[in-house]
């Protein structure tokens, strides 16, 4: 009976050791899971900030494209005015040529 009780105590001690090891493993896994949750939260925060920055950049790009279109329109207007002025100058030169001769 003593041998059986001693054997049972050894098994109980071994089970308690395994239980302690398992509890440590569970605690380590929980710590790893929490660290991963924190990393995920940081990644989500960075993604949101990147998305906001991308929206800001796209808005700036749209503003720049509008500005370019406005300047191209002004250049076209000025080019037309310059062409008209050149035509007027040519006509005046022709009239002066007629008057001089």
Protein backbone atom coordinates (compact mmCIF):
# COMPACT_ATOMS: atom_id res chain seq x y z
CA UNK A 1 0.00 0.00 0.00
CA UNK A 2 2.89 2.31 0.78
CA UNK A 3 4.44 1.66 -2.63
CA UNK A 4 1.13 2.42 -4.28
CA UNK A 5 0.71 5.62 -2.28
CA UNK A 6 4.28 6.65 -3.09
CA UNK A 7 3.68 5.98 -6.77
CA UNK A 8 0.46 7.98 -6.63
CA UNK A 9 2.31 10.85 -4.95
CA UNK A 10 5.00 10.78 -7.64
CA UNK A 11 2.36 10.85 -10.39
CA UNK A 12 0.54 13.68 -8.59
CA UNK A 13 3.80 15.61 -8.31
CA UNK A 14 4.50 15.01 -12.01
CA UNK A 15 0.98 16.17 -12.96
CA UNK A 16 1.41 19.27 -10.84
CA UNK A 17 4.71 19.98 -12.65
CA UNK A 18 3.02 19.50 -16.03
CA UNK A 19 0.14 21.73 -14.91
CA UNK A 20 2.60 24.46 -13.84
CA UNK A 21 4.41 24.16 -17.19
CA UNK A 22 1.09 24.36 -19.03
CA UNK A 23 0.05 27.42 -17.02
CA UNK A 24 3.36 29.11 -17.87
CA UNK A 25 2.87 28.30 -21.54
CA UNK A 26 -0.67 29.70 -21.44
CA UNK A 27 0.58 32.88 -19.75
CA UNK A 28 3.35 33.25 -22.35
CA UNK A 29 0.84 32.72 -25.16
CA UNK A 30 -1.48 35.30 -23.65
CA UNK A 31 1.42 37.75 -23.45
CA UNK A 32 2.32 37.05 -27.09
CA UNK A 33 -1.30 37.50 -28.13
CA UNK A 34 -1.47 40.85 -26.31
CA UNK A 35 1.76 41.99 -27.97
CA UNK A 36 0.32 40.99 -31.35
CA UNK A 37 -2.90 42.92 -30.58
CA UNK A 38 -0.82 45.99 -29.78
CA UNK A 39 1.14 45.61 -33.03
CA UNK A 40 -2.12 45.25 -34.95
CA UNK A 41 -3.50 48.39 -33.32
CA UNK A 42 -0.34 50.30 -34.26
CA UNK A 43 -0.56 49.01 -37.83
CA UNK A 44 -4.21 50.08 -38.05
CA UNK A 45 -3.30 53.55 -36.72
CA UNK A 46 -0.52 53.86 -39.31
CA UNK A 47 -2.85 52.69 -42.08
CA UNK A 48 -5.45 55.30 -41.09
CA UNK A 49 -2.79 58.03 -41.01
CA UNK A 50 -1.49 56.90 -44.40
CA UNK A 51 -5.00 56.96 -45.82
CA UNK A 52 -5.54 60.50 -44.51
CA UNK A 53 -2.19 61.59 -45.97
CA UNK A 54 -3.11 60.03 -49.32
CA UNK A 55 -6.41 61.94 -49.34
CA UNK A 56 -4.57 65.16 -48.54
CA UNK A 57 -2.06 64.53 -51.34
CA UNK A 58 -4.85 63.79 -53.82
CA UNK A 59 -6.61 67.02 -52.83
CA UNK A 60 -3.37 68.96 -53.36
CA UNK A 61 -2.92 67.26 -56.72
CA UNK A 62 -6.43 68.27 -57.77
CA UNK A 63 -5.72 71.87 -56.71
CA UNK A 64 -2.50 71.87 -58.73
CA UNK A 65 -4.27 70.42 -61.77
CA UNK A 66 -6.93 73.17 -61.54
CA UNK A 67 -4.18 75.78 -61.29
CA UNK A 68 -2.42 74.34 -64.34
CA UNK A 69 -5.67 74.37 -66.33
CA UNK A 70 -6.28 78.01 -65.36
CA UNK A 71 -2.76 78.99 -66.44
CA UNK A 72 -3.12 77.08 -69.73
CA UNK A 73 -6.34 79.00 -70.36
CA UNK A 74 -4.59 82.31 -69.62
CA UNK A 75 -1.72 81.35 -71.94
CA UNK A 76 -4.21 80.56 -74.71
CA UNK A 77 -5.96 83.92 -74.17
CA UNK A 78 -2.66 85.82 -74.20
CA UNK A 79 -1.52 83.91 -77.31
CA UNK A 80 -4.74 84.94 -79.06
CA UNK A 81 -4.25 88.56 -78.00
CA UNK A 82 -0.63 88.44 -79.19
CA UNK A 83 -1.72 87.05 -82.54
CA UNK A 84 -4.31 89.82 -82.87
CA UNK A 85 -1.67 92.42 -81.97
CA UNK A 86 0.74 90.99 -84.56
CA UNK A 87 -2.00 91.15 -87.17
CA UNK A 88 -2.74 94.76 -86.22
CA UNK A 89 0.97 95.63 -86.43
CA UNK A 90 1.24 94.00 -89.85
CA UNK A 91 -1.81 95.95 -91.05
CA UNK A 92 -0.36 99.21 -89.69
CA UNK A 93 3.01 98.45 -91.33
CA UNK A 94 1.18 97.87 -94.62
CA UNK A 95 -0.71 101.16 -94.25
CA UNK A 96 2.50 103.00 -93.42
CA UNK A 97 4.14 101.41 -96.45
CA UNK A 98 1.33 102.72 -98.64
CA UNK A 99 1.48 106.19 -97.05
CA UNK A 100 5.31 106.38 -97.48
CA UNK A 101 5.19 105.46 -101.09
